[in-house]
Amino acid sequence: MSRGSGTDKKAPAPVKEVKLRGSKPPESSPLKNTTSRNPSPKKKRNVFQRALRNIQLYFVKLYKSISEDKNRLKYLAIIGGGVLLLLLLSIVIYNSVKKNAYSIKVGEEQVAIIKMGKEDIGDELKNQAILKIENSLGSRILVNEKITHTPIHASKKEMVSAEEAISKISAGLTYKVEAFAITVEGTQMAIVKNQKEADTILDSIAEPYLMEGVKIIEKGFVEEVKAESIYVEMDEIDDSEKALRILTSTLETAETYTVAPGDSLGRIAVWAGMAPEQILDINPNLSWTAILRIGDVINLTVDKPLISVRTVEERSFIDVEPIPVRQVPNPNERTSYQRTVQYGTVGQAEVIQHVIRINGTESSVEEVERIITLAPVEEIIEVGTR
C-alpha cells in the first residue's frame, strides 16, 4: 500500500505473444530496412543456385512420373513425332509454292522463265531484246506487244539463262521499223530506210542543175519537200531506185503561152515539148492554116516534174557605170537649141547578182550589191528655154 492512498493497485500482467499456426512473422518496417536495393553478388549467386535447384527437382519429378507410367512416355513420343512430321511437311509445302522465278510473257504468250532477281529484271531483258533487234536492222523499232514479268514458282529445269531469255523474247516480238517518208506538198510519195538515204536521193535529184564552176549559195525545191520519221512494216519500205523513179516522174499540167514576134505553131510545139497535133487538139480555134497574131493565148499541156529544183547562183562581174547627164537651161536660146558643154565618160562598178534558176532555167535576176570602182564623168548639155 502506498502512502496517501486508500486502495491497493496491482501491476499489469505481462502480455504473452501468441503464435498462430500457418501465420507469417511480421514484415519489418520499410523505415527500419537499411538494406540496399541492389543485392550483393553473393545473394545473386544464392538466388541462381536456388532456381537451378528448383529446375533440377522439376525434371526429377517429371522423370519419376513418366517412369511410373509407361503409356505416358509413348504418348509423348507420338506427339513429338507428329510435331516433327508436321514441321517437315510445312517446309516441303512452303518450298513447293514459294515464288522463286519470273514468267516472261510477250503479249499473252509465255516465252521464258528466269530465276527471280532484282525487281526491274523484266524491263532490263525487254530493253536488251529490243536493242538486239535494232542492232541487227540498223534502225529503231516500235514493238507491237506488251512485255510483262510475273512472279511464279518454277523448278530449276524450267528456268533459262538471261541470254537465252533475251533470244526468246526477240523471237516472239513483232514490230514496226523506223523509216523516213518523203512528202511533196504534204503528200507521201516514197518511204526509204533512213534519213541518210532520203538525203542522198534528194541530192541526186538536184545534182544535174548544180553547174560546175558556178557559185551556188542556195539549193532546194520549189515545192515543199520533207523527209519525216515514221514507223512502218518492213515490206512498206521502197528501195532507193524505186523512190528515185517516183520522185523524178512528171505530171501532165495545163499551161498557157502568149504568142511573141516570130512564133509559129512548130516553134511553139518544140518549146513546149509537144507535137503540133497535140496543140491543135486542145485549141479548137486553131488550124494549120491559121495565122498566129502577137498576143494570142494558146493552151498547152506540158509535163511538169513532180519536184522542181530551185537554185540561187551568185554571179559577180565588172559593169559599166553609165554617164550621168545634167541639162543646163539657157533662156536666151530657143527650145530647139542644144549644145554639149562638157562631154562625160563612163565609169566602172563591181556588181553582185543573185540568179534564180528553176530546173536550170533562169527565172529571175536580183542585183544585191553594186560598188563603183571608177566614177563616171558627168556630161553637161545646155538647152534653150525661150
Protein backbone atom coordinates (compact mmCIF):
# COMPACT_ATOMS: atom_id res chain seq x y z
CA MET A 1 0.00 0.00 0.00
CA SER A 2 1.40 3.36 -0.91
CA ARG A 3 1.40 6.33 1.17
CA GLY A 4 -1.59 8.69 0.75
CA SER A 5 -3.81 6.03 -0.97
CA GLY A 6 -6.82 4.34 0.36
CA THR A 7 -6.74 1.38 -2.04
CA ASP A 8 -4.10 -1.12 -3.25
CA LYS A 9 -3.26 -1.16 -7.06
CA LYS A 10 -1.77 -4.30 -8.70
CA ALA A 11 0.81 -4.07 -11.53
CA PRO A 12 -0.49 -5.16 -15.04
CA ALA A 13 0.24 -8.76 -16.07
CA PRO A 14 2.78 -9.25 -18.89
CA VAL A 15 1.23 -9.85 -22.39
CA LYS A 16 2.09 -13.21 -23.89
CA GLU A 17 2.93 -13.45 -27.57
CA VAL A 18 0.53 -15.79 -29.26
CA LYS A 19 1.67 -17.53 -32.48
CA LEU A 20 -0.98 -18.85 -34.84
CA ARG A 21 -0.35 -21.93 -36.95
CA GLY A 22 0.41 -21.05 -40.50
CA SER A 23 0.89 -17.36 -39.81
CA LYS A 24 3.92 -15.44 -41.14
CA PRO A 25 6.21 -13.39 -38.98
CA PRO A 26 5.54 -9.69 -39.30
CA GLU A 27 7.46 -7.92 -42.02
CA SER A 28 9.97 -5.38 -40.92
CA SER A 29 9.05 -1.76 -41.43
CA PRO A 30 10.47 -0.19 -44.53
CA LEU A 31 11.70 2.64 -42.37
CA LYS A 32 13.88 0.24 -40.46
CA ASN A 33 15.14 -1.60 -43.59
CA THR A 34 18.53 -0.20 -44.26
CA THR A 35 19.48 -2.92 -46.81
CA SER A 36 20.47 -1.65 -50.32
CA ARG A 37 18.06 -2.35 -53.21
CA ASN A 38 20.84 -3.94 -55.29
CA PRO A 39 21.61 -7.39 -53.87
CA SER A 40 25.20 -8.31 -53.34
CA PRO A 41 26.98 -10.77 -55.73
CA LYS A 42 26.77 -13.41 -53.03
CA LYS A 43 22.97 -13.05 -52.76
CA LYS A 44 22.67 -13.14 -56.60
CA ARG A 45 24.62 -16.39 -56.67
CA ASN A 46 22.38 -17.90 -53.98
CA VAL A 47 19.24 -16.95 -55.94
CA PHE A 48 20.63 -18.52 -59.13
CA GLN A 49 21.56 -21.69 -57.30
CA ARG A 50 18.10 -21.96 -55.76
CA ALA A 51 16.49 -21.52 -59.22
CA LEU A 52 18.77 -24.15 -60.73
CA ARG A 53 17.97 -26.49 -57.88
CA ASN A 54 14.24 -25.99 -58.43
CA ILE A 55 14.59 -26.81 -62.15
CA GLN A 56 16.52 -29.95 -61.34
CA LEU A 57 13.87 -31.00 -58.87
CA TYR A 58 11.16 -30.37 -61.50
CA PHE A 59 12.81 -32.62 -64.09
CA VAL A 60 13.49 -35.30 -61.46
CA LYS A 61 9.81 -35.31 -60.54
CA LEU A 62 8.85 -35.33 -64.25
CA TYR A 63 11.14 -38.30 -64.92
CA LYS A 64 9.74 -40.20 -61.92
CA SER A 65 6.18 -39.54 -63.07
CA ILE A 66 6.98 -40.67 -66.66
CA SER A 67 8.82 -43.77 -65.39
CA GLU A 68 5.82 -44.68 -63.28
CA ASP A 69 3.54 -44.51 -66.31
CA LYS A 70 4.98 -46.13 -69.44
CA ASN A 71 1.91 -45.25 -71.51
CA ARG A 72 2.56 -41.55 -70.91
CA LEU A 73 6.03 -41.95 -72.45
CA LYS A 74 4.51 -43.48 -75.56
CA TYR A 75 2.04 -40.65 -75.85
CA LEU A 76 4.82 -38.11 -75.61
CA ALA A 77 6.82 -39.92 -78.29
CA ILE A 78 3.82 -39.99 -80.64
CA ILE A 79 3.09 -36.29 -80.06
CA GLY A 80 6.76 -35.36 -80.59
CA GLY A 81 6.94 -37.39 -83.80
CA GLY A 82 3.73 -35.81 -85.06
CA VAL A 83 5.05 -32.30 -84.37
CA LEU A 84 8.30 -33.10 -86.21
CA LEU A 85 6.43 -34.59 -89.17
CA LEU A 86 4.15 -31.53 -89.34
CA LEU A 87 7.19 -29.24 -89.32
CA LEU A 88 8.86 -31.15 -92.17
CA LEU A 89 5.62 -31.15 -94.16
CA SER A 90 5.28 -27.37 -93.71
CA ILE A 91 8.81 -26.85 -95.03
CA VAL A 92 8.08 -29.02 -98.10
CA ILE A 93 4.80 -27.20 -98.84
CA TYR A 94 6.45 -23.79 -98.44
CA ASN A 95 9.25 -24.69 -100.84
CA SER A 96 6.75 -26.04 -103.37
CA VAL A 97 4.71 -22.80 -103.53
CA LYS A 98 7.41 -20.20 -102.87
CA LYS A 99 7.72 -17.73 -105.79
CA ASN A 100 11.29 -18.13 -106.98
CA ALA A 101 11.12 -17.14 -110.66
CA TYR A 102 9.62 -14.72 -113.20
CA SER A 103 7.37 -15.76 -116.06
CA ILE A 104 8.24 -13.57 -119.08
CA LYS A 105 5.33 -13.02 -121.45
CA VAL A 106 5.20 -11.39 -124.88
CA GLY A 107 1.59 -10.35 -125.14
CA GLU A 108 -0.35 -13.29 -123.70
CA GLU A 109 2.26 -15.94 -124.58
CA GLN A 110 4.89 -17.11 -122.09
CA VAL A 111 8.27 -17.22 -123.80
CA ALA A 112 10.72 -17.80 -120.93
CA ILE A 113 11.12 -18.44 -117.19
CA ILE A 114 14.07 -16.88 -115.38
CA LYS A 115 15.38 -17.04 -111.84
CA MET A 116 13.98 -14.33 -109.59
CA GLY A 117 16.38 -11.43 -109.19
CA LYS A 118 16.06 -7.68 -108.96
CA GLU A 119 12.61 -6.20 -109.48
CA ASP A 120 13.38 -4.49 -112.81
CA ILE A 121 14.91 -7.60 -114.41
CA GLY A 122 11.90 -7.88 -116.77
CA ASP A 123 12.36 -4.34 -118.10
CA GLU A 124 16.09 -4.91 -118.45
CA LEU A 125 15.57 -8.07 -120.54
CA LYS A 126 12.96 -6.27 -122.66
CA ASN A 127 15.37 -3.43 -123.42
CA GLN A 128 18.16 -5.88 -124.26
CA ALA A 129 15.88 -7.82 -126.62
CA ILE A 130 14.80 -4.64 -128.43
CA LEU A 131 18.42 -3.46 -128.66
CA LYS A 132 19.41 -6.81 -130.18
CA ILE A 133 16.81 -6.41 -132.96
CA GLU A 134 17.71 -2.75 -133.57
CA ASN A 135 21.40 -3.61 -133.92
CA SER A 136 20.63 -6.31 -136.46
CA LEU A 137 18.37 -3.99 -138.51
CA GLY A 138 20.40 -0.81 -138.14
CA SER A 139 17.29 1.20 -137.18
CA ARG A 140 14.97 1.75 -134.25
CA ILE A 141 11.80 -0.31 -133.79
CA LEU A 142 8.35 0.11 -132.25
CA VAL A 143 7.21 -3.10 -130.50
CA ASN A 144 3.59 -4.15 -131.04
CA GLU A 145 3.25 -6.39 -127.95
CA LYS A 146 3.47 -5.62 -124.25
CA ILE A 147 6.28 -7.47 -122.42
CA THR A 148 5.46 -8.42 -118.80
CA HIS A 149 7.09 -10.43 -116.00
CA THR A 150 5.09 -12.13 -113.22
CA PRO A 151 6.45 -13.89 -110.06
CA ILE A 152 5.81 -17.65 -110.12
CA HIS A 153 7.16 -20.90 -108.63
CA ALA A 154 9.23 -22.96 -111.04
CA SER A 155 11.78 -25.76 -110.96
CA LYS A 156 15.38 -25.22 -111.97
CA LYS A 157 14.84 -27.28 -115.11
CA GLU A 158 12.20 -24.82 -116.30
CA MET A 159 14.46 -21.77 -115.86
CA VAL A 160 16.69 -20.40 -118.62
CA SER A 161 19.65 -18.03 -118.58
CA ALA A 162 19.29 -14.30 -119.20
CA GLU A 163 20.93 -14.63 -122.64
CA GLU A 164 18.52 -17.38 -123.68
CA ALA A 165 15.57 -15.34 -122.36
CA ILE A 166 16.66 -12.35 -124.46
CA SER A 167 16.78 -14.53 -127.58
CA LYS A 168 13.33 -15.99 -126.85
CA ILE A 169 11.84 -12.52 -126.26
CA SER A 170 13.37 -11.22 -129.51
CA ALA A 171 11.96 -14.17 -131.45
CA GLY A 172 8.48 -13.63 -130.00
CA LEU A 173 8.23 -9.91 -130.83
CA THR A 174 6.53 -8.31 -133.81
CA TYR A 175 7.36 -4.71 -134.54
CA LYS A 176 7.44 -1.77 -136.91
CA VAL A 177 10.72 -0.23 -138.00
CA GLU A 178 11.66 3.43 -138.17
CA ALA A 179 11.82 4.72 -141.74
CA PHE A 180 11.61 8.11 -143.46
CA ALA A 181 8.69 9.21 -145.59
CA ILE A 182 9.47 11.71 -148.37
CA THR A 183 6.49 14.03 -148.81
CA VAL A 184 5.80 16.58 -151.55
CA GLU A 185 3.37 19.35 -150.58
CA GLY A 186 2.18 17.18 -147.69
CA THR A 187 1.55 14.07 -149.84
CA GLN A 188 3.60 10.96 -149.07
CA MET A 189 5.39 9.87 -152.23
CA ALA A 190 8.03 7.33 -151.08
CA ILE A 191 9.32 5.60 -147.94
CA VAL A 192 13.03 4.91 -147.57
CA LYS A 193 15.14 3.16 -144.97
CA ASN A 194 16.70 6.11 -143.12
CA GLN A 195 17.44 9.84 -143.14
CA LYS A 196 20.79 9.37 -144.91
CA GLU A 197 19.15 7.50 -147.80
CA ALA A 198 16.44 10.19 -148.12
CA ASP A 199 19.08 12.95 -148.26
CA THR A 200 21.09 11.02 -150.88
CA ILE A 201 18.04 10.65 -153.15
CA LEU A 202 17.07 14.33 -152.88
CA ASP A 203 20.69 15.40 -153.55
CA SER A 204 20.79 13.21 -156.66
CA ILE A 205 17.66 14.97 -158.00
CA ALA A 206 19.29 18.39 -157.57
CA GLU A 207 22.76 17.38 -158.78
CA PRO A 208 22.17 17.82 -162.58
CA TYR A 209 21.36 21.50 -162.01
CA LEU A 210 24.48 22.27 -159.97
CA MET A 211 26.72 23.58 -162.74
CA GLU A 212 30.48 23.23 -162.39
CA GLY A 213 32.38 26.45 -161.78
CA VAL A 214 29.23 28.24 -160.65
CA LYS A 215 28.87 29.52 -157.11
CA ILE A 216 25.62 28.08 -155.76
CA ILE A 217 24.66 29.75 -152.49
CA GLU A 218 21.32 28.03 -152.07
CA LYS A 219 19.65 24.90 -153.35
CA GLY A 220 16.25 23.41 -152.69
CA PHE A 221 12.93 22.74 -154.29
CA VAL A 222 10.05 24.89 -155.49
CA GLU A 223 7.63 22.56 -153.76
CA GLU A 224 7.65 21.82 -150.03
CA VAL A 225 9.68 18.61 -149.78
CA LYS A 226 10.26 16.93 -146.41
CA ALA A 227 11.75 13.70 -145.04
CA GLU A 228 9.89 12.74 -141.85
CA SER A 229 10.41 9.86 -139.40
CA ILE A 230 7.63 7.24 -139.30
CA TYR A 231 7.24 3.61 -138.15
CA VAL A 232 6.10 1.12 -140.79
CA GLU A 233 6.11 -2.57 -141.63
CA MET A 234 9.29 -3.79 -143.33
CA ASP A 235 7.53 -4.51 -146.64
CA GLU A 236 6.31 -0.91 -146.91
CA ILE A 237 9.86 0.46 -147.41
CA ASP A 238 10.85 1.31 -151.00
CA ASP A 239 14.33 0.66 -152.31
CA SER A 240 16.38 3.67 -153.43
CA GLU A 241 15.84 3.11 -157.17
CA LYS A 242 12.06 2.92 -156.85
CA ALA A 243 11.94 6.02 -154.64
CA LEU A 244 14.08 7.94 -157.18
CA ARG A 245 11.80 6.91 -160.08
CA ILE A 246 8.74 8.12 -158.20
CA LEU A 247 10.28 11.48 -157.27
CA THR A 248 11.62 12.21 -160.78
CA SER A 249 8.35 11.38 -162.51
CA THR A 250 6.38 14.09 -164.33
CA LEU A 251 2.81 15.28 -164.14
CA GLU A 252 0.77 16.50 -167.11
CA THR A 253 -0.02 20.14 -166.38
CA ALA A 254 -2.11 22.67 -168.28
CA GLU A 255 -0.36 25.98 -169.11
CA THR A 256 -0.87 28.93 -171.43
CA TYR A 257 1.53 30.57 -173.86
CA THR A 258 1.38 34.11 -175.23
CA VAL A 259 2.42 34.41 -178.89
CA ALA A 260 5.53 36.55 -179.38
CA PRO A 261 7.04 38.04 -182.58
CA GLY A 262 8.46 35.35 -184.87
CA ASP A 263 6.49 32.49 -183.30
CA SER A 264 4.95 29.71 -185.36
CA LEU A 265 2.99 26.59 -184.48
CA GLY A 266 6.01 24.38 -185.00
CA ARG A 267 8.30 26.63 -182.94
CA ILE A 268 5.84 26.75 -180.04
CA ALA A 269 5.47 22.93 -180.19
CA VAL A 270 9.25 22.46 -179.90
CA TRP A 271 9.44 24.90 -176.98
CA ALA A 272 6.61 23.13 -175.14
CA GLY A 273 7.88 19.62 -175.94
CA MET A 274 4.63 18.76 -177.71
CA ALA A 275 3.63 17.64 -181.18
CA PRO A 276 1.81 20.29 -183.27
CA GLU A 277 -1.18 17.92 -183.49
CA GLN A 278 -1.43 17.91 -179.70
CA ILE A 279 -1.57 21.72 -179.66
CA LEU A 280 -4.37 21.70 -182.26
CA ASP A 281 -6.32 19.09 -180.26
CA ILE A 282 -6.53 21.31 -177.18
CA ASN A 283 -7.02 24.56 -179.14
CA PRO A 284 -10.14 24.05 -181.37
CA ASN A 285 -9.89 27.61 -182.69
CA LEU A 286 -6.50 26.88 -184.32
CA SER A 287 -5.72 25.15 -187.59
CA TRP A 288 -2.70 24.50 -189.74
CA THR A 289 -3.61 27.48 -191.93
CA ALA A 290 -4.49 29.84 -189.06
CA ILE A 291 -2.37 32.95 -188.71
CA LEU A 292 -0.86 33.49 -185.25
CA ARG A 293 -1.08 37.07 -184.03
CA ILE A 294 1.18 38.62 -181.41
CA GLY A 295 -0.59 38.46 -178.02
CA ASP A 296 -2.73 35.44 -178.86
CA VAL A 297 -3.01 32.97 -175.93
CA ILE A 298 -2.53 29.29 -176.72
CA ASN A 299 -3.35 26.39 -174.38
CA LEU A 300 -0.55 23.91 -173.83
CA THR A 301 -0.09 20.66 -171.94
CA VAL A 302 3.37 20.25 -170.51
CA ASP A 303 5.00 17.51 -168.46
CA LYS A 304 5.90 19.18 -165.21
CA PRO A 305 8.36 17.38 -162.90
CA LEU A 306 6.93 16.21 -159.58
CA ILE A 307 9.80 18.10 -157.94
CA SER A 308 11.34 21.23 -159.46
CA VAL A 309 14.86 22.14 -158.39
CA ARG A 310 15.41 25.75 -157.38
CA THR A 311 18.96 27.10 -157.19
CA VAL A 312 20.32 30.53 -156.34
CA GLU A 313 23.55 31.35 -158.15
CA GLU A 314 25.80 34.22 -157.11
CA ARG A 315 27.34 36.00 -160.07
CA SER A 316 29.87 38.85 -159.87
CA PHE A 317 31.33 40.92 -162.73
CA ILE A 318 32.60 44.38 -163.71
CA ASP A 319 29.88 46.50 -165.23
CA VAL A 320 29.89 49.88 -166.99
CA GLU A 321 28.66 52.70 -164.83
CA PRO A 322 26.54 54.92 -167.12
CA ILE A 323 27.32 58.61 -167.73
CA PRO A 324 25.14 60.92 -165.67
CA VAL A 325 23.64 63.73 -167.79
CA ARG A 326 22.78 67.18 -166.48
CA GLN A 327 20.91 69.80 -168.52
CA VAL A 328 21.64 73.50 -168.07
CA PRO A 329 18.84 75.87 -169.21
CA ASN A 330 19.72 78.84 -171.47
CA PRO A 331 16.88 81.39 -171.58
CA ASN A 332 18.50 83.25 -174.45
CA GLU A 333 18.13 80.33 -176.85
CA ARG A 334 15.06 78.72 -178.37
CA THR A 335 13.82 75.36 -177.11
CA SER A 336 15.28 73.67 -180.15
CA TYR A 337 18.74 74.76 -179.08
CA GLN A 338 21.01 72.13 -177.55
CA ARG A 339 24.75 72.17 -177.04
CA THR A 340 27.13 69.86 -175.15
CA VAL A 341 29.12 71.95 -172.76
CA GLN A 342 31.04 69.00 -171.22
CA TYR A 343 31.39 65.51 -172.51
CA GLY A 344 31.14 62.76 -169.97
CA THR A 345 32.84 59.39 -169.65
CA VAL A 346 31.58 56.07 -168.35
CA GLY A 347 32.74 54.63 -165.05
CA GLN A 348 33.14 51.12 -163.67
CA ALA A 349 31.33 49.15 -160.98
CA GLU A 350 31.66 45.77 -159.35
CA VAL A 351 28.26 44.10 -159.43
CA ILE A 352 26.97 41.08 -157.48
CA GLN A 353 23.78 39.42 -158.69
CA HIS A 354 21.69 36.52 -157.48
CA VAL A 355 20.35 34.43 -160.34
CA ILE A 356 17.39 32.20 -159.54
CA ARG A 357 17.04 29.13 -161.75
CA ILE A 358 14.21 26.60 -161.88
CA ASN A 359 15.41 23.25 -163.20
CA GLY A 360 18.40 25.04 -164.68
CA THR A 361 16.39 27.71 -166.50
CA GLU A 362 16.92 31.33 -165.44
CA SER A 363 13.80 32.57 -163.70
CA SER A 364 14.84 35.95 -162.26
CA VAL A 365 17.90 38.09 -161.54
CA GLU A 366 18.34 40.28 -158.48
CA GLU A 367 21.17 42.79 -158.09
CA VAL A 368 22.22 42.62 -154.45
CA GLU A 369 25.33 44.82 -154.49
CA ARG A 370 26.91 47.46 -156.76
CA ILE A 371 30.24 49.09 -155.85
CA ILE A 372 31.54 51.93 -158.08
CA THR A 373 35.27 51.48 -158.58
CA LEU A 374 35.65 54.26 -161.19
CA ALA A 375 33.30 57.23 -161.01
CA PRO A 376 31.83 58.36 -164.34
CA VAL A 377 32.30 61.95 -165.56
CA GLU A 378 29.13 63.96 -165.77
CA GLU A 379 28.00 65.20 -169.17
CA ILE A 380 26.55 68.72 -169.25
CA ILE A 381 24.17 69.80 -172.00
CA GLU A 382 22.93 73.33 -172.50
CA VAL A 383 19.34 73.59 -173.72
CA GLY A 384 17.33 76.61 -174.77
CA THR A 385 14.19 77.55 -172.92
CA ARG A 386 13.00 80.57 -174.94
